[in-house]
Amino acid sequence: FDDGPGTSTQQVLDILMRYGVRATFFNIGEQIPEHPALVAEELADGQTLGNHTWNHHDLDQQTAEEQAAEIDKTTRAQRRLTGSTPCLFRPPGGAYDHTTLALTRARRDALWLWSVDTEDWKAAGSASKYWVNRVRTRAEAGGSQSHPVVLMHNEDGLPDADRKSVV
């Protein structure tokens, strides 16, 4: 789950725990201080925490120093809050360059992309049947892969009545 922690993070965590599913949360650093309890709960629930930069800017448009600051500031914020240092890194939008690879390698981070993009962000938090079916169909299509990495987001919340339709 990218782009959290946010308004739907608690809902996502509740659903994952209900069904015994583990996930990786690539949190945006500047949101960690705004939602410290959610980040702590992600880790306490057995989820994996990754680094998704501080401000979610396209790294391939930044200098080496700017990229390093985006990565390091997020790592420090997570370590201060949880005592855990992320070892997985996902560049926003999948945008990276040779500099990004060198920086993540130097930090012993694995750069993790995805093999299935549900494009759930296009729904803008909508729980309409159309969007639920579209996201589900795209995610299920990844089941034919040996080790799918399904990209989803935890930004906007869903109304309580519609939460069940997502799972």
C-alpha atoms as a PDB file:
ATOM      1  CA  PHE A   1       0.000   0.000   0.000  1.00  0.00           C
ATOM      2  CA  ASP A   2       1.475   3.306  -1.114  1.00  0.00           C
ATOM      3  CA  ASP A   3       0.962   6.911  -0.085  1.00  0.00           C
ATOM      4  CA  GLY A   4      -0.117   6.473   3.531  1.00  0.00           C
ATOM      5  CA  PRO A   5      -0.576   6.733   6.294  1.00  0.00           C
ATOM      6  CA  GLY A   6      -3.870   8.387   5.533  1.00  0.00           C
ATOM      7  CA  THR A   7      -7.564   8.458   6.214  1.00  0.00           C
ATOM      8  CA  SER A   8      -8.163   4.877   5.048  1.00  0.00           C
ATOM      9  CA  THR A   9      -5.146   3.273   6.747  1.00  0.00           C
ATOM     10  CA  GLN A  10      -7.096   2.087   9.777  1.00  0.00           C
ATOM     11  CA  GLN A  11      -9.750   0.524   7.539  1.00  0.00           C
ATOM     12  CA  VAL A  12      -7.073  -1.217   5.493  1.00  0.00           C
ATOM     13  CA  LEU A  13      -5.356  -2.534   8.632  1.00  0.00           C
ATOM     14  CA  ASP A  14      -8.661  -3.797  10.051  1.00  0.00           C
ATOM     15  CA  ILE A  15      -9.452  -5.691   6.841  1.00  0.00           C
ATOM     16  CA  LEU A  16      -5.961  -7.187   6.608  1.00  0.00           C
ATOM     17  CA  MET A  17      -6.102  -8.361  10.231  1.00  0.00           C
ATOM     18  CA  ARG A  18      -9.625  -9.763   9.840  1.00  0.00           C
ATOM     19  CA  TYR A  19      -8.454 -11.970   6.963  1.00  0.00           C
ATOM     20  CA  GLY A  20      -4.942 -12.707   8.231  1.00  0.00           C
ATOM     21  CA  VAL A  21      -3.278 -10.984   5.297  1.00  0.00           C
ATOM     22  CA  ARG A  22       0.138  -9.343   5.487  1.00  0.00           C
ATOM     23  CA  ALA A  23       1.095  -6.369   3.352  1.00  0.00           C
ATOM     24  CA  THR A  24       3.825  -3.805   2.901  1.00  0.00           C
ATOM     25  CA  PHE A  25       3.112  -0.149   3.621  1.00  0.00           C
ATOM     26  CA  PHE A  26       5.239   2.324   1.687  1.00  0.00           C
ATOM     27  CA  ASN A  27       4.574   5.412   3.770  1.00  0.00           C
ATOM     28  CA  ILE A  28       5.279   8.971   2.733  1.00  0.00           C
ATOM     29  CA  GLY A  29       7.666  10.433   5.296  1.00  0.00           C
ATOM     30  CA  GLU A  30       5.948  13.777   5.858  1.00  0.00           C
ATOM     31  CA  GLN A  31       2.784  11.888   6.853  1.00  0.00           C
ATOM     32  CA  ILE A  32       4.499   9.789   9.524  1.00  0.00           C
ATOM     33  CA  PRO A  33       4.513  12.576  12.167  1.00  0.00           C
ATOM     34  CA  GLU A  34       0.865  13.338  11.326  1.00  0.00           C
ATOM     35  CA  HIS A  35      -0.262   9.722  11.932  1.00  0.00           C
ATOM     36  CA  PRO A  36       2.231   8.125  14.328  1.00  0.00           C
ATOM     37  CA  ALA A  37      -0.297   5.738  15.880  1.00  0.00           C
ATOM     38  CA  LEU A  38      -1.162   4.274  12.468  1.00  0.00           C
ATOM     39  CA  VAL A  39       2.488   3.672  11.582  1.00  0.00           C
ATOM     40  CA  ALA A  40       3.065   2.031  14.970  1.00  0.00           C
ATOM     41  CA  GLU A  41      -0.021  -0.141  14.428  1.00  0.00           C
ATOM     42  CA  GLU A  42       1.165  -1.193  10.965  1.00  0.00           C
ATOM     43  CA  LEU A  43       4.346  -2.557  12.535  1.00  0.00           C
ATOM     44  CA  ALA A  44       2.589  -4.029  15.596  1.00  0.00           C
ATOM     45  CA  ASP A  45       0.157  -5.871  13.293  1.00  0.00           C
ATOM     46  CA  GLY A  46       3.072  -7.593  11.574  1.00  0.00           C
ATOM     47  CA  GLN A  47       2.973  -5.538   8.405  1.00  0.00           C
ATOM     48  CA  THR A  48       6.189  -4.553   6.661  1.00  0.00           C
ATOM     49  CA  LEU A  49       7.143  -0.874   6.493  1.00  0.00           C
ATOM     50  CA  GLY A  50       8.902   0.552   3.468  1.00  0.00           C
ATOM     51  CA  ASN A  51      10.161   3.981   2.430  1.00  0.00           C
ATOM     52  CA  HIS A  52       8.232   6.006  -0.188  1.00  0.00           C
ATOM     53  CA  THR A  53      10.241   9.272   0.110  1.00  0.00           C
ATOM     54  CA  TRP A  54       9.485  12.318   2.196  1.00  0.00           C
ATOM     55  CA  ASN A  55       7.386  14.380  -0.248  1.00  0.00           C
ATOM     56  CA  HIS A  56       6.435  11.898  -2.993  1.00  0.00           C
ATOM     57  CA  HIS A  57       8.297  13.764  -5.755  1.00  0.00           C
ATOM     58  CA  ASP A  58       9.566  12.081  -8.931  1.00  0.00           C
ATOM     59  CA  LEU A  59      13.137  11.174  -8.085  1.00  0.00           C
ATOM     60  CA  ASP A  60      14.368  11.109 -11.656  1.00  0.00           C
ATOM     61  CA  GLN A  61      13.840  14.888 -11.716  1.00  0.00           C
ATOM     62  CA  GLN A  62      16.026  15.493  -8.638  1.00  0.00           C
ATOM     63  CA  THR A  63      19.733  15.806  -7.919  1.00  0.00           C
ATOM     64  CA  ALA A  64      21.563  13.121  -5.966  1.00  0.00           C
ATOM     65  CA  GLU A  65      21.476  15.313  -2.866  1.00  0.00           C
ATOM     66  CA  GLU A  66      17.723  15.878  -3.161  1.00  0.00           C
ATOM     67  CA  GLN A  67      17.072  12.174  -3.664  1.00  0.00           C
ATOM     68  CA  ALA A  68      19.240  11.260  -0.684  1.00  0.00           C
ATOM     69  CA  ALA A  69      17.373  13.767   1.496  1.00  0.00           C
ATOM     70  CA  GLU A  70      13.982  12.340   0.425  1.00  0.00           C
ATOM     71  CA  ILE A  71      15.079   8.807   1.347  1.00  0.00           C
ATOM     72  CA  ASP A  72      17.055   9.586   4.503  1.00  0.00           C
ATOM     73  CA  LYS A  73      14.533  11.925   6.096  1.00  0.00           C
ATOM     74  CA  THR A  74      11.826   9.263   5.797  1.00  0.00           C
ATOM     75  CA  THR A  75      14.096   6.559   7.191  1.00  0.00           C
ATOM     76  CA  ARG A  76      14.958   8.751  10.193  1.00  0.00           C
ATOM     77  CA  ALA A  77      11.294   9.557  10.888  1.00  0.00           C
ATOM     78  CA  GLN A  78      10.332   5.891  10.821  1.00  0.00           C
ATOM     79  CA  ARG A  79      13.288   4.834  12.950  1.00  0.00           C
ATOM     80  CA  ARG A  80      12.527   7.541  15.556  1.00  0.00           C
ATOM     81  CA  LEU A  81       8.904   6.441  15.790  1.00  0.00           C
ATOM     82  CA  THR A  82       9.178   2.645  15.578  1.00  0.00           C
ATOM     83  CA  GLY A  83      12.815   1.769  16.178  1.00  0.00           C
ATOM     84  CA  SER A  84      12.658  -0.026  12.827  1.00  0.00           C
ATOM     85  CA  THR A  85      14.632   0.927   9.730  1.00  0.00           C
ATOM     86  CA  PRO A  86      12.982   0.221   6.374  1.00  0.00           C
ATOM     87  CA  CYS A  87      14.933  -1.993   3.985  1.00  0.00           C
ATOM     88  CA  LEU A  88      12.473  -1.661   1.101  1.00  0.00           C
ATOM     89  CA  PHE A  89      12.166   1.429  -1.046  1.00  0.00           C
ATOM     90  CA  ARG A  90       9.536   2.305  -3.631  1.00  0.00           C
ATOM     91  CA  PRO A  91      10.087   5.387  -5.794  1.00  0.00           C
ATOM     92  CA  PRO A  92       6.923   7.467  -6.264  1.00  0.00           C
ATOM     93  CA  GLY A  93       5.275   6.680  -9.580  1.00  0.00           C
ATOM     94  CA  GLY A  94       8.022   4.137 -10.257  1.00  0.00           C
ATOM     95  CA  ALA A  95      10.230   7.036 -11.402  1.00  0.00           C
ATOM     96  CA  TYR A  96      13.910   6.432 -10.685  1.00  0.00           C
ATOM     97  CA  ASP A  97      17.297   6.657 -12.339  1.00  0.00           C
ATOM     98  CA  HIS A  98      20.866   5.382 -11.893  1.00  0.00           C
ATOM     99  CA  THR A  99      21.353   7.783  -8.993  1.00  0.00           C
ATOM    100  CA  THR A 100      18.343   6.308  -7.181  1.00  0.00           C
ATOM    101  CA  LEU A 101      19.711   2.801  -7.690  1.00  0.00           C
ATOM    102  CA  ALA A 102      23.125   3.804  -6.350  1.00  0.00           C
ATOM    103  CA  LEU A 103      21.597   5.518  -3.314  1.00  0.00           C
ATOM    104  CA  THR A 104      19.346   2.600  -2.408  1.00  0.00           C
ATOM    105  CA  ARG A 105      22.182   0.129  -2.932  1.00  0.00           C
ATOM    106  CA  ALA A 106      24.461   2.182  -0.665  1.00  0.00           C
ATOM    107  CA  ARG A 107      21.758   2.102   2.024  1.00  0.00           C
ATOM    108  CA  ARG A 108      21.242  -1.655   1.539  1.00  0.00           C
ATOM    109  CA  ASP A 109      17.639  -1.037   0.547  1.00  0.00           C
ATOM    110  CA  ALA A 110      15.850  -3.126  -2.047  1.00  0.00           C
ATOM    111  CA  LEU A 111      14.140  -1.025  -4.708  1.00  0.00           C
ATOM    112  CA  TRP A 112      10.673  -2.573  -4.989  1.00  0.00           C
ATOM    113  CA  LEU A 113       8.317  -1.849  -7.834  1.00  0.00           C
ATOM    114  CA  TRP A 114       5.101  -3.728  -8.692  1.00  0.00           C
ATOM    115  CA  SER A 115       3.934  -6.243 -11.246  1.00  0.00           C
ATOM    116  CA  VAL A 116       0.204  -5.451 -11.002  1.00  0.00           C
ATOM    117  CA  ASP A 117      -1.133  -1.895 -10.853  1.00  0.00           C
ATOM    118  CA  THR A 118      -4.757  -1.858  -9.713  1.00  0.00           C
ATOM    119  CA  GLU A 119      -4.939   1.847 -10.584  1.00  0.00           C
ATOM    120  CA  ASP A 120      -7.104   2.219  -7.476  1.00  0.00           C
ATOM    121  CA  TRP A 121      -5.949   5.816  -7.099  1.00  0.00           C
ATOM    122  CA  LYS A 122      -8.029   6.718 -10.161  1.00  0.00           C
ATOM    123  CA  ALA A 123     -11.178   5.928  -8.151  1.00  0.00           C
ATOM    124  CA  ALA A 124     -10.393   8.882  -5.833  1.00  0.00           C
ATOM    125  CA  GLY A 125     -11.790   6.970  -2.859  1.00  0.00           C
ATOM    126  CA  SER A 126     -14.993   5.942  -4.611  1.00  0.00           C
ATOM    127  CA  ALA A 127     -16.581   2.711  -3.424  1.00  0.00           C
ATOM    128  CA  SER A 128     -18.905   2.469  -6.422  1.00  0.00           C
ATOM    129  CA  LYS A 129     -19.478  -1.034  -7.748  1.00  0.00           C
ATOM    130  CA  TYR A 130     -17.672  -0.068 -10.974  1.00  0.00           C
ATOM    131  CA  TRP A 131     -14.461   0.887  -9.161  1.00  0.00           C
ATOM    132  CA  VAL A 132     -14.562  -2.000  -6.700  1.00  0.00           C
ATOM    133  CA  ASN A 133     -14.959  -4.501  -9.564  1.00  0.00           C
ATOM    134  CA  ARG A 134     -12.287  -2.792 -11.672  1.00  0.00           C
ATOM    135  CA  VAL A 135      -9.718  -2.813  -8.853  1.00  0.00           C
ATOM    136  CA  ARG A 136     -10.587  -6.394  -7.848  1.00  0.00           C
ATOM    137  CA  THR A 137     -10.323  -7.645 -11.452  1.00  0.00           C
ATOM    138  CA  ARG A 138      -6.918  -6.026 -11.924  1.00  0.00           C
ATOM    139  CA  ALA A 139      -5.638  -7.427  -8.605  1.00  0.00           C
ATOM    140  CA  GLU A 140      -6.945 -10.928  -9.323  1.00  0.00           C
ATOM    141  CA  ALA A 141      -5.259 -10.885 -12.739  1.00  0.00           C
ATOM    142  CA  GLY A 142      -1.941 -10.882 -10.878  1.00  0.00           C
ATOM    143  CA  GLY A 143      -2.760 -14.328  -9.479  1.00  0.00           C
ATOM    144  CA  SER A 144      -1.383 -15.891 -12.644  1.00  0.00           C
ATOM    145  CA  GLN A 145       2.089 -14.563 -11.778  1.00  0.00           C
ATOM    146  CA  SER A 146       4.525 -16.565  -9.676  1.00  0.00           C
ATOM    147  CA  HIS A 147       5.137 -13.769  -7.170  1.00  0.00           C
ATOM    148  CA  PRO A 148       2.844 -10.835  -7.900  1.00  0.00           C
ATOM    149  CA  VAL A 149       3.392  -7.480  -6.240  1.00  0.00           C
ATOM    150  CA  VAL A 150       0.007  -5.773  -6.293  1.00  0.00           C
ATOM    151  CA  LEU A 151       0.067  -1.977  -6.026  1.00  0.00           C
ATOM    152  CA  MET A 152      -2.720  -0.364  -4.022  1.00  0.00           C
ATOM    153  CA  HIS A 153      -3.049   2.878  -2.097  1.00  0.00           C
ATOM    154  CA  ASN A 154      -4.392   3.835   1.328  1.00  0.00           C
ATOM    155  CA  GLU A 155      -5.343   7.451   0.865  1.00  0.00           C
ATOM    156  CA  ASP A 156      -9.075   8.184   1.046  1.00  0.00           C
ATOM    157  CA  GLY A 157     -11.453   6.305   3.304  1.00  0.00           C
ATOM    158  CA  LEU A 158     -14.477   4.288   2.293  1.00  0.00           C
ATOM    159  CA  PRO A 159     -17.899   4.710   3.833  1.00  0.00           C
ATOM    160  CA  ASP A 160     -18.558   1.969   6.418  1.00  0.00           C
ATOM    161  CA  ALA A 161     -21.361   0.449   4.360  1.00  0.00           C
ATOM    162  CA  ASP A 162     -19.036  -0.079   1.414  1.00  0.00           C
ATOM    163  CA  ARG A 163     -16.012  -1.516   3.219  1.00  0.00           C
ATOM    164  CA  LYS A 164     -17.214  -5.118   2.888  1.00  0.00           C
ATOM    165  CA  SER A 165     -17.408  -4.831  -0.899  1.00  0.00           C
ATOM    166  CA  VAL A 166     -13.660  -4.192  -1.177  1.00  0.00           C
ATOM    167  CA  VAL A 167     -12.593  -7.564   0.251  1.00  0.00           C
END
